[in-house]
Amino acid sequence: LEQVLATEPGEVALSGKLTLVDLAGSERVKKTDASGSVLTEAKNINLSLLELGNVISALADAAGNPKKNPHIPFRNSTLTRLLQESLGGNCKTSLLV
């Protein structure tokens, strides 16, 4: 959901974006005895969650040391690529558990 506030000519336009993502939780393969396509899906969910953690960690390191310009691995996963605008830059992000 994206909204842009109409402004008068010469004023700065304000915009907002809302992204909702269901992260589906970590899948325990041993507990569920997953196999086949369910196993593949569980692997992909776990990999996306791992990459999201790596991105958040890199962003926290960058905020703690502004002199360094560390690499933020947004491109390692489709999830982090989709959330790139919401995680980095001039934004406010909330995580509901």
PDB file of N, CA and C in Angstrom:
ATOM      1  N   LEU A   1       0.852  -1.160   0.000  1.00  0.00           N
ATOM      2  CA  LEU A   1       0.000   0.000   0.000  1.00  0.00           C
ATOM      3  C   LEU A   1       0.895   1.219   0.000  1.00  0.00           C
ATOM      4  N   GLU A   2       0.708   2.105  -0.956  1.00  0.00           N
ATOM      5  CA  GLU A   2       1.526   3.304  -1.039  1.00  0.00           C
ATOM      6  C   GLU A   2       0.624   4.506  -1.212  1.00  0.00           C
ATOM      7  N   GLN A   3       0.953   5.591  -0.514  1.00  0.00           N
ATOM      8  CA  GLN A   3       0.147   6.792  -0.586  1.00  0.00           C
ATOM      9  C   GLN A   3       1.066   7.990  -0.747  1.00  0.00           C
ATOM     10  N   VAL A   4       0.699   8.883  -1.663  1.00  0.00           N
ATOM     11  CA  VAL A   4       1.446  10.116  -1.861  1.00  0.00           C
ATOM     12  C   VAL A   4       0.501  11.266  -1.581  1.00  0.00           C
ATOM     13  N   LEU A   5       0.943  12.192  -0.739  1.00  0.00           N
ATOM     14  CA  LEU A   5       0.141  13.336  -0.357  1.00  0.00           C
ATOM     15  C   LEU A   5       0.293  14.431  -1.407  1.00  0.00           C
ATOM     16  N   ALA A   6      -0.820  14.876  -1.974  1.00  0.00           N
ATOM     17  CA  ALA A   6      -0.781  15.946  -2.962  1.00  0.00           C
ATOM     18  C   ALA A   6      -0.396  17.245  -2.265  1.00  0.00           C
ATOM     19  N   THR A   7       0.489  17.998  -2.892  1.00  0.00           N
ATOM     20  CA  THR A   7       0.954  19.254  -2.303  1.00  0.00           C
ATOM     21  C   THR A   7       0.819  20.382  -3.303  1.00  0.00           C
ATOM     22  N   GLU A   8       1.026  21.563  -2.812  1.00  0.00           N
ATOM     23  CA  GLU A   8       1.043  22.750  -3.656  1.00  0.00           C
ATOM     24  C   GLU A   8       2.324  22.747  -4.486  1.00  0.00           C
ATOM     25  N   PRO A   9       2.325  23.405  -5.635  1.00  0.00           N
ATOM     26  CA  PRO A   9       3.554  23.488  -6.430  1.00  0.00           C
ATOM     27  C   PRO A   9       4.691  24.112  -5.612  1.00  0.00           C
ATOM     28  N   GLY A  10       5.863  23.522  -5.685  1.00  0.00           N
ATOM     29  CA  GLY A  10       7.025  24.009  -4.963  1.00  0.00           C
ATOM     30  C   GLY A  10       7.216  23.390  -3.593  1.00  0.00           C
ATOM     31  N   GLU A  11       6.215  22.698  -3.060  1.00  0.00           N
ATOM     32  CA  GLU A  11       6.349  22.035  -1.771  1.00  0.00           C
ATOM     33  C   GLU A  11       6.879  20.620  -1.954  1.00  0.00           C
ATOM     34  N   VAL A  12       7.411  20.084  -0.895  1.00  0.00           N
ATOM     35  CA  VAL A  12       7.933  18.722  -0.919  1.00  0.00           C
ATOM     36  C   VAL A  12       6.763  17.750  -0.768  1.00  0.00           C
ATOM     37  N   ALA A  13       6.715  16.732  -1.625  1.00  0.00           N
ATOM     38  CA  ALA A  13       5.656  15.725  -1.544  1.00  0.00           C
ATOM     39  C   ALA A  13       5.982  14.712  -0.463  1.00  0.00           C
ATOM     40  N   LEU A  14       4.997  14.352   0.338  1.00  0.00           N
ATOM     41  CA  LEU A  14       5.159  13.337   1.365  1.00  0.00           C
ATOM     42  C   LEU A  14       4.583  12.028   0.852  1.00  0.00           C
ATOM     43  N   SER A  15       5.259  10.936   1.131  1.00  0.00           N
ATOM     44  CA  SER A  15       4.742   9.638   0.700  1.00  0.00           C
ATOM     45  C   SER A  15       4.887   8.637   1.830  1.00  0.00           C
ATOM     46  N   GLY A  16       4.045   7.628   1.792  1.00  0.00           N
ATOM     47  CA  GLY A  16       4.100   6.568   2.791  1.00  0.00           C
ATOM     48  C   GLY A  16       3.878   5.225   2.128  1.00  0.00           C
ATOM     49  N   LYS A  17       4.482   4.199   2.689  1.00  0.00           N
ATOM     50  CA  LYS A  17       4.355   2.855   2.131  1.00  0.00           C
ATOM     51  C   LYS A  17       4.195   1.880   3.282  1.00  0.00           C
ATOM     52  N   LEU A  18       3.234   0.977   3.140  1.00  0.00           N
ATOM     53  CA  LEU A  18       2.993  -0.047   4.152  1.00  0.00           C
ATOM     54  C   LEU A  18       3.211  -1.404   3.507  1.00  0.00           C
ATOM     55  N   THR A  19       4.113  -2.199   4.087  1.00  0.00           N
ATOM     56  CA  THR A  19       4.394  -3.540   3.582  1.00  0.00           C
ATOM     57  C   THR A  19       4.129  -4.531   4.700  1.00  0.00           C
ATOM     58  N   LEU A  20       3.271  -5.498   4.445  1.00  0.00           N
ATOM     59  CA  LEU A  20       2.981  -6.547   5.423  1.00  0.00           C
ATOM     60  C   LEU A  20       3.543  -7.865   4.905  1.00  0.00           C
ATOM     61  N   VAL A  21       4.304  -8.548   5.759  1.00  0.00           N
ATOM     62  CA  VAL A  21       4.924  -9.816   5.376  1.00  0.00           C
ATOM     63  C   VAL A  21       4.669 -10.831   6.484  1.00  0.00           C
ATOM     64  N   ASP A  22       4.164 -11.990   6.116  1.00  0.00           N
ATOM     65  CA  ASP A  22       3.998 -13.089   7.063  1.00  0.00           C
ATOM     66  C   ASP A  22       5.231 -13.977   6.936  1.00  0.00           C
ATOM     67  N   LEU A  23       6.082 -13.976   7.954  1.00  0.00           N
ATOM     68  CA  LEU A  23       7.344 -14.709   7.878  1.00  0.00           C
ATOM     69  C   LEU A  23       7.203 -16.200   8.141  1.00  0.00           C
ATOM     70  N   ALA A  24       6.065 -16.651   8.567  1.00  0.00           N
ATOM     71  CA  ALA A  24       5.724 -18.068   8.678  1.00  0.00           C
ATOM     72  C   ALA A  24       6.549 -18.854   9.685  1.00  0.00           C
ATOM     73  N   GLY A  25       7.460 -18.249  10.379  1.00  0.00           N
ATOM     74  CA  GLY A  25       8.197 -18.957  11.417  1.00  0.00           C
ATOM     75  C   GLY A  25       9.202 -19.947  10.874  1.00  0.00           C
ATOM     76  N   SER A  26      10.085 -20.362  11.709  1.00  0.00           N
ATOM     77  CA  SER A  26      11.117 -21.325  11.364  1.00  0.00           C
ATOM     78  C   SER A  26      10.511 -22.728  11.283  1.00  0.00           C
ATOM     79  N   GLU A  27      10.896 -23.462  10.289  1.00  0.00           N
ATOM     80  CA  GLU A  27      10.381 -24.821  10.103  1.00  0.00           C
ATOM     81  C   GLU A  27      11.385 -25.832  10.654  1.00  0.00           C
ATOM     82  N   ARG A  28      10.953 -26.655  11.571  1.00  0.00           N
ATOM     83  CA  ARG A  28      11.792 -27.717  12.133  1.00  0.00           C
ATOM     84  C   ARG A  28      11.587 -28.981  11.315  1.00  0.00           C
ATOM     85  N   VAL A  29      12.555 -29.308  10.499  1.00  0.00           N
ATOM     86  CA  VAL A  29      12.437 -30.438   9.583  1.00  0.00           C
ATOM     87  C   VAL A  29      12.374 -31.759  10.341  1.00  0.00           C
ATOM     88  N   LYS A  30      13.176 -31.915  11.386  1.00  0.00           N
ATOM     89  CA  LYS A  30      13.182 -33.175  12.133  1.00  0.00           C
ATOM     90  C   LYS A  30      11.855 -33.419  12.847  1.00  0.00           C
ATOM     91  N   LYS A  31      11.261 -32.350  13.391  1.00  0.00           N
ATOM     92  CA  LYS A  31      10.000 -32.501  14.106  1.00  0.00           C
ATOM     93  C   LYS A  31       8.842 -32.871  13.185  1.00  0.00           C
ATOM     94  N   THR A  32       8.817 -32.284  11.991  1.00  0.00           N
ATOM     95  CA  THR A  32       7.679 -32.467  11.097  1.00  0.00           C
ATOM     96  C   THR A  32       7.862 -33.627  10.124  1.00  0.00           C
ATOM     97  N   ASP A  33       9.057 -34.213  10.069  1.00  0.00           N
ATOM     98  CA  ASP A  33       9.359 -35.269   9.089  1.00  0.00           C
ATOM     99  C   ASP A  33       8.992 -34.840   7.675  1.00  0.00           C
ATOM    100  N   ALA A  34       9.324 -33.604   7.334  1.00  0.00           N
ATOM    101  CA  ALA A  34       9.009 -33.054   6.016  1.00  0.00           C
ATOM    102  C   ALA A  34       9.831 -33.750   4.938  1.00  0.00           C
ATOM    103  N   SER A  35       9.208 -33.880   3.771  1.00  0.00           N
ATOM    104  CA  SER A  35       9.910 -34.456   2.622  1.00  0.00           C
ATOM    105  C   SER A  35       9.332 -33.860   1.342  1.00  0.00           C
ATOM    106  N   GLY A  36      10.080 -34.001   0.256  1.00  0.00           N
ATOM    107  CA  GLY A  36       9.607 -33.521  -1.034  1.00  0.00           C
ATOM    108  C   GLY A  36       9.468 -32.010  -1.100  1.00  0.00           C
ATOM    109  N   SER A  37       8.338 -31.546  -1.631  1.00  0.00           N
ATOM    110  CA  SER A  37       8.126 -30.109  -1.820  1.00  0.00           C
ATOM    111  C   SER A  37       7.990 -29.370  -0.490  1.00  0.00           C
ATOM    112  N   VAL A  38       7.474 -30.041   0.543  1.00  0.00           N
ATOM    113  CA  VAL A  38       7.360 -29.413   1.871  1.00  0.00           C
ATOM    114  C   VAL A  38       8.752 -29.163   2.445  1.00  0.00           C
ATOM    115  N   LEU A  39       9.674 -30.102   2.233  1.00  0.00           N
ATOM    116  CA  LEU A  39      11.046 -29.944   2.693  1.00  0.00           C
ATOM    117  C   LEU A  39      11.725 -28.777   1.967  1.00  0.00           C
ATOM    118  N   THR A  40      11.514 -28.690   0.664  1.00  0.00           N
ATOM    119  CA  THR A  40      12.084 -27.595  -0.123  1.00  0.00           C
ATOM    120  C   THR A  40      11.546 -26.255   0.344  1.00  0.00           C
ATOM    121  N   GLU A  41      10.257 -26.173   0.611  1.00  0.00           N
ATOM    122  CA  GLU A  41       9.646 -24.939   1.104  1.00  0.00           C
ATOM    123  C   GLU A  41      10.206 -24.565   2.471  1.00  0.00           C
ATOM    124  N   ALA A  42      10.385 -25.548   3.353  1.00  0.00           N
ATOM    125  CA  ALA A  42      10.943 -25.298   4.678  1.00  0.00           C
ATOM    126  C   ALA A  42      12.375 -24.766   4.578  1.00  0.00           C
ATOM    127  N   LYS A  43      13.163 -25.324   3.668  1.00  0.00           N
ATOM    128  CA  LYS A  43      14.531 -24.849   3.455  1.00  0.00           C
ATOM    129  C   LYS A  43      14.535 -23.400   2.998  1.00  0.00           C
ATOM    130  N   ASN A  44      13.631 -23.070   2.064  1.00  0.00           N
ATOM    131  CA  ASN A  44      13.568 -21.704   1.542  1.00  0.00           C
ATOM    132  C   ASN A  44      13.127 -20.705   2.612  1.00  0.00           C
ATOM    133  N   ILE A  45      12.170 -21.102   3.462  1.00  0.00           N
ATOM    134  CA  ILE A  45      11.724 -20.233   4.554  1.00  0.00           C
ATOM    135  C   ILE A  45      12.884 -19.972   5.514  1.00  0.00           C
ATOM    136  N   ASN A  46      13.587 -21.026   5.900  1.00  0.00           N
ATOM    137  CA  ASN A  46      14.703 -20.876   6.829  1.00  0.00           C
ATOM    138  C   ASN A  46      15.827 -20.029   6.237  1.00  0.00           C
ATOM    139  N   LEU A  47      16.101 -20.211   4.944  1.00  0.00           N
ATOM    140  CA  LEU A  47      17.143 -19.426   4.284  1.00  0.00           C
ATOM    141  C   LEU A  47      16.754 -17.944   4.243  1.00  0.00           C
ATOM    142  N   SER A  48      15.493 -17.644   3.933  1.00  0.00           N
ATOM    143  CA  SER A  48      15.031 -16.254   3.905  1.00  0.00           C
ATOM    144  C   SER A  48      15.122 -15.607   5.275  1.00  0.00           C
ATOM    145  N   LEU A  49      14.754 -16.351   6.328  1.00  0.00           N
ATOM    146  CA  LEU A  49      14.843 -15.817   7.685  1.00  0.00           C
ATOM    147  C   LEU A  49      16.295 -15.592   8.092  1.00  0.00           C
ATOM    148  N   LEU A  50      17.196 -16.482   7.678  1.00  0.00           N
ATOM    149  CA  LEU A  50      18.614 -16.318   7.959  1.00  0.00           C
ATOM    150  C   LEU A  50      19.139 -15.052   7.285  1.00  0.00           C
ATOM    151  N   GLU A  51      18.792 -14.859   6.017  1.00  0.00           N
ATOM    152  CA  GLU A  51      19.256 -13.679   5.278  1.00  0.00           C
ATOM    153  C   GLU A  51      18.665 -12.395   5.854  1.00  0.00           C
ATOM    154  N   LEU A  52      17.418 -12.432   6.317  1.00  0.00           N
ATOM    155  CA  LEU A  52      16.817 -11.269   6.963  1.00  0.00           C
ATOM    156  C   LEU A  52      17.595 -10.913   8.230  1.00  0.00           C
ATOM    157  N   GLY A  53      17.974 -11.912   8.993  1.00  0.00           N
ATOM    158  CA  GLY A  53      18.798 -11.680  10.182  1.00  0.00           C
ATOM    159  C   GLY A  53      20.148 -11.087   9.832  1.00  0.00           C
ATOM    160  N   ASN A  54      20.761 -11.550   8.742  1.00  0.00           N
ATOM    161  CA  ASN A  54      22.050 -11.014   8.295  1.00  0.00           C
ATOM    162  C   ASN A  54      21.923  -9.542   7.902  1.00  0.00           C
ATOM    163  N   VAL A  55      20.836  -9.187   7.220  1.00  0.00           N
ATOM    164  CA  VAL A  55      20.611  -7.796   6.812  1.00  0.00           C
ATOM    165  C   VAL A  55      20.417  -6.909   8.039  1.00  0.00           C
ATOM    166  N   ILE A  56      19.591  -7.351   8.973  1.00  0.00           N
ATOM    167  CA  ILE A  56      19.339  -6.565  10.182  1.00  0.00           C
ATOM    168  C   ILE A  56      20.637  -6.398  10.979  1.00  0.00           C
ATOM    169  N   SER A  57      21.437  -7.437  11.063  1.00  0.00           N
ATOM    170  CA  SER A  57      22.719  -7.363  11.760  1.00  0.00           C
ATOM    171  C   SER A  57      23.667  -6.370  11.080  1.00  0.00           C
ATOM    172  N   ALA A  58      23.737  -6.418   9.756  1.00  0.00           N
ATOM    173  CA  ALA A  58      24.605  -5.490   9.017  1.00  0.00           C
ATOM    174  C   ALA A  58      24.131  -4.045   9.174  1.00  0.00           C
ATOM    175  N   LEU A  59      22.812  -3.827   9.178  1.00  0.00           N
ATOM    176  CA  LEU A  59      22.279  -2.485   9.379  1.00  0.00           C
ATOM    177  C   LEU A  59      22.591  -1.975  10.787  1.00  0.00           C
ATOM    178  N   ALA A  60      22.507  -2.852  11.782  1.00  0.00           N
ATOM    179  CA  ALA A  60      22.830  -2.465  13.162  1.00  0.00           C
ATOM    180  C   ALA A  60      24.308  -2.123  13.285  1.00  0.00           C
ATOM    181  N   ASP A  61      25.182  -2.898  12.640  1.00  0.00           N
ATOM    182  CA  ASP A  61      26.619  -2.603  12.651  1.00  0.00           C
ATOM    183  C   ASP A  61      26.905  -1.261  11.981  1.00  0.00           C
ATOM    184  N   ALA A  62      26.223  -0.981  10.880  1.00  0.00           N
ATOM    185  CA  ALA A  62      26.412   0.277  10.155  1.00  0.00           C
ATOM    186  C   ALA A  62      25.947   1.463  10.995  1.00  0.00           C
ATOM    187  N   ALA A  63      24.873   1.296  11.751  1.00  0.00           N
ATOM    188  CA  ALA A  63      24.363   2.375  12.597  1.00  0.00           C
ATOM    189  C   ALA A  63      25.303   2.625  13.773  1.00  0.00           C
ATOM    190  N   GLY A  64      25.951   1.576  14.253  1.00  0.00           N
ATOM    191  CA  GLY A  64      26.870   1.703  15.382  1.00  0.00           C
ATOM    192  C   GLY A  64      28.196   2.317  15.009  1.00  0.00           C
ATOM    193  N   ASN A  65      28.584   2.220  13.743  1.00  0.00           N
ATOM    194  CA  ASN A  65      29.852   2.772  13.281  1.00  0.00           C
ATOM    195  C   ASN A  65      29.626   3.520  11.972  1.00  0.00           C
ATOM    196  N   PRO A  66      29.186   4.782  12.042  1.00  0.00           N
ATOM    197  CA  PRO A  66      28.824   5.516  10.829  1.00  0.00           C
ATOM    198  C   PRO A  66      29.999   5.833   9.908  1.00  0.00           C
ATOM    199  N   LYS A  67      31.249   5.718  10.394  1.00  0.00           N
ATOM    200  CA  LYS A  67      32.408   6.012   9.545  1.00  0.00           C
ATOM    201  C   LYS A  67      32.637   4.923   8.509  1.00  0.00           C
ATOM    202  N   LYS A  68      32.263   3.704   8.859  1.00  0.00           N
ATOM    203  CA  LYS A  68      32.421   2.588   7.920  1.00  0.00           C
ATOM    204  C   LYS A  68      31.245   2.550   6.963  1.00  0.00           C
ATOM    205  N   ASN A  69      31.449   1.980   5.802  1.00  0.00           N
ATOM    206  CA  ASN A  69      30.380   1.803   4.826  1.00  0.00           C
ATOM    207  C   ASN A  69      30.281   0.312   4.501  1.00  0.00           C
ATOM    208  N   PRO A  70      29.684  -0.476   5.417  1.00  0.00           N
ATOM    209  CA  PRO A  70      29.662  -1.933   5.216  1.00  0.00           C
ATOM    210  C   PRO A  70      28.683  -2.349   4.125  1.00  0.00           C
ATOM    211  N   HIS A  71      28.906  -3.534   3.617  1.00  0.00           N
ATOM    212  CA  HIS A  71      27.997  -4.100   2.611  1.00  0.00           C
ATOM    213  C   HIS A  71      26.747  -4.628   3.313  1.00  0.00           C
ATOM    214  N   ILE A  72      25.584  -4.206   2.843  1.00  0.00           N
ATOM    215  CA  ILE A  72      24.316  -4.713   3.365  1.00  0.00           C
ATOM    216  C   ILE A  72      23.804  -5.729   2.340  1.00  0.00           C
ATOM    217  N   PRO A  73      23.674  -7.010   2.718  1.00  0.00           N
ATOM    218  CA  PRO A  73      23.354  -8.071   1.744  1.00  0.00           C
ATOM    219  C   PRO A  73      21.864  -8.170   1.382  1.00  0.00           C
ATOM    220  N   PHE A  74      21.289  -7.091   0.838  1.00  0.00           N
ATOM    221  CA  PHE A  74      19.881  -7.102   0.460  1.00  0.00           C
ATOM    222  C   PHE A  74      19.594  -8.096  -0.670  1.00  0.00           C
ATOM    223  N   ARG A  75      20.563  -8.332  -1.561  1.00  0.00           N
ATOM    224  CA  ARG A  75      20.305  -9.150  -2.746  1.00  0.00           C
ATOM    225  C   ARG A  75      20.417 -10.653  -2.510  1.00  0.00           C
ATOM    226  N   ASN A  76      20.701 -11.074  -1.297  1.00  0.00           N
ATOM    227  CA  ASN A  76      20.884 -12.500  -1.019  1.00  0.00           C
ATOM    228  C   ASN A  76      19.580 -13.282  -0.963  1.00  0.00           C
ATOM    229  N   SER A  77      18.449 -12.605  -0.894  1.00  0.00           N
ATOM    230  CA  SER A  77      17.174 -13.296  -0.770  1.00  0.00           C
ATOM    231  C   SER A  77      16.074 -12.427  -1.375  1.00  0.00           C
ATOM    232  N   THR A  78      15.056 -13.068  -1.879  1.00  0.00           N
ATOM    233  CA  THR A  78      13.910 -12.325  -2.428  1.00  0.00           C
ATOM    234  C   THR A  78      13.223 -11.522  -1.336  1.00  0.00           C
ATOM    235  N   LEU A  79      13.117 -12.091  -0.141  1.00  0.00           N
ATOM    236  CA  LEU A  79      12.480 -11.396   0.978  1.00  0.00           C
ATOM    237  C   LEU A  79      13.210 -10.100   1.300  1.00  0.00           C
ATOM    238  N   THR A  80      14.532 -10.146   1.439  1.00  0.00           N
ATOM    239  CA  THR A  80      15.280  -8.940   1.783  1.00  0.00           C
ATOM    240  C   THR A  80      15.288  -7.943   0.627  1.00  0.00           C
ATOM    241  N   ARG A  81      15.239  -8.438  -0.602  1.00  0.00           N
ATOM    242  CA  ARG A  81      15.165  -7.535  -1.758  1.00  0.00           C
ATOM    243  C   ARG A  81      13.842  -6.778  -1.745  1.00  0.00           C
ATOM    244  N   LEU A  82      12.751  -7.468  -1.418  1.00  0.00           N
ATOM    245  CA  LEU A  82      11.435  -6.819  -1.363  1.00  0.00           C
ATOM    246  C   LEU A  82      11.339  -5.830  -0.207  1.00  0.00           C
ATOM    247  N   LEU A  83      12.012  -6.120   0.895  1.00  0.00           N
ATOM    248  CA  LEU A  83      11.945  -5.267   2.081  1.00  0.00           C
ATOM    249  C   LEU A  83      13.048  -4.209   2.135  1.00  0.00           C
ATOM    250  N   GLN A  84      13.844  -4.087   1.091  1.00  0.00           N
ATOM    251  CA  GLN A  84      14.979  -3.171   1.094  1.00  0.00           C
ATOM    252  C   GLN A  84      14.574  -1.734   1.419  1.00  0.00           C
ATOM    253  N   GLU A  85      13.524  -1.228   0.804  1.00  0.00           N
ATOM    254  CA  GLU A  85      13.065   0.138   1.072  1.00  0.00           C
ATOM    255  C   GLU A  85      12.587   0.297   2.509  1.00  0.00           C
ATOM    256  N   SER A  86      12.005  -0.761   3.064  1.00  0.00           N
ATOM    257  CA  SER A  86      11.458  -0.685   4.416  1.00  0.00           C
ATOM    258  C   SER A  86      12.516  -0.863   5.496  1.00  0.00           C
ATOM    259  N   LEU A  87      13.638  -1.484   5.176  1.00  0.00           N
ATOM    260  CA  LEU A  87      14.664  -1.760   6.177  1.00  0.00           C
ATOM    261  C   LEU A  87      15.762  -0.701   6.197  1.00  0.00           C
ATOM    262  N   GLY A  88      16.146  -0.212   5.044  1.00  0.00           N
ATOM    263  CA  GLY A  88      17.238   0.756   4.981  1.00  0.00           C
ATOM    264  C   GLY A  88      16.726   2.123   4.566  1.00  0.00           C
ATOM    265  N   GLY A  89      17.542   3.120   4.797  1.00  0.00           N
ATOM    266  CA  GLY A  89      17.179   4.463   4.363  1.00  0.00           C
ATOM    267  C   GLY A  89      16.364   5.218   5.378  1.00  0.00           C
ATOM    268  N   ASN A  90      15.559   6.138   4.892  1.00  0.00           N
ATOM    269  CA  ASN A  90      14.770   7.029   5.736  1.00  0.00           C
ATOM    270  C   ASN A  90      13.398   6.395   5.967  1.00  0.00           C
ATOM    271  N   CYS A  91      13.315   5.521   6.950  1.00  0.00           N
ATOM    272  CA  CYS A  91      12.058   4.806   7.187  1.00  0.00           C
ATOM    273  C   CYS A  91      11.944   4.429   8.653  1.00  0.00           C
ATOM    274  N   LYS A  92      10.759   4.031   9.024  1.00  0.00           N
ATOM    275  CA  LYS A  92      10.497   3.474  10.355  1.00  0.00           C
ATOM    276  C   LYS A  92       9.939   2.079  10.138  1.00  0.00           C
ATOM    277  N   THR A  93      10.503   1.096  10.814  1.00  0.00           N
ATOM    278  CA  THR A  93      10.111  -0.291  10.635  1.00  0.00           C
ATOM    279  C   THR A  93       9.714  -0.888  11.982  1.00  0.00           C
ATOM    280  N   SER A  94       8.630  -1.632  12.004  1.00  0.00           N
ATOM    281  CA  SER A  94       8.193  -2.336  13.210  1.00  0.00           C
ATOM    282  C   SER A  94       8.117  -3.823  12.921  1.00  0.00           C
ATOM    283  N   LEU A  95       8.499  -4.621  13.889  1.00  0.00           N
ATOM    284  CA  LEU A  95       8.425  -6.071  13.780  1.00  0.00           C
ATOM    285  C   LEU A  95       7.487  -6.567  14.859  1.00  0.00           C
ATOM    286  N   LEU A  96       6.430  -7.226  14.460  1.00  0.00           N
ATOM    287  CA  LEU A  96       5.463  -7.786  15.401  1.00  0.00           C
ATOM    288  C   LEU A  96       5.699  -9.277  15.522  1.00  0.00           C
ATOM    289  N   VAL A  97       5.869  -9.747  16.734  1.00  0.00           N
ATOM    290  CA  VAL A  97       6.139 -11.165  16.958  1.00  0.00           C
ATOM    291  C   VAL A  97       4.926 -11.822  17.556  1.00  0.00           C
TER     292      VAL A  97
END
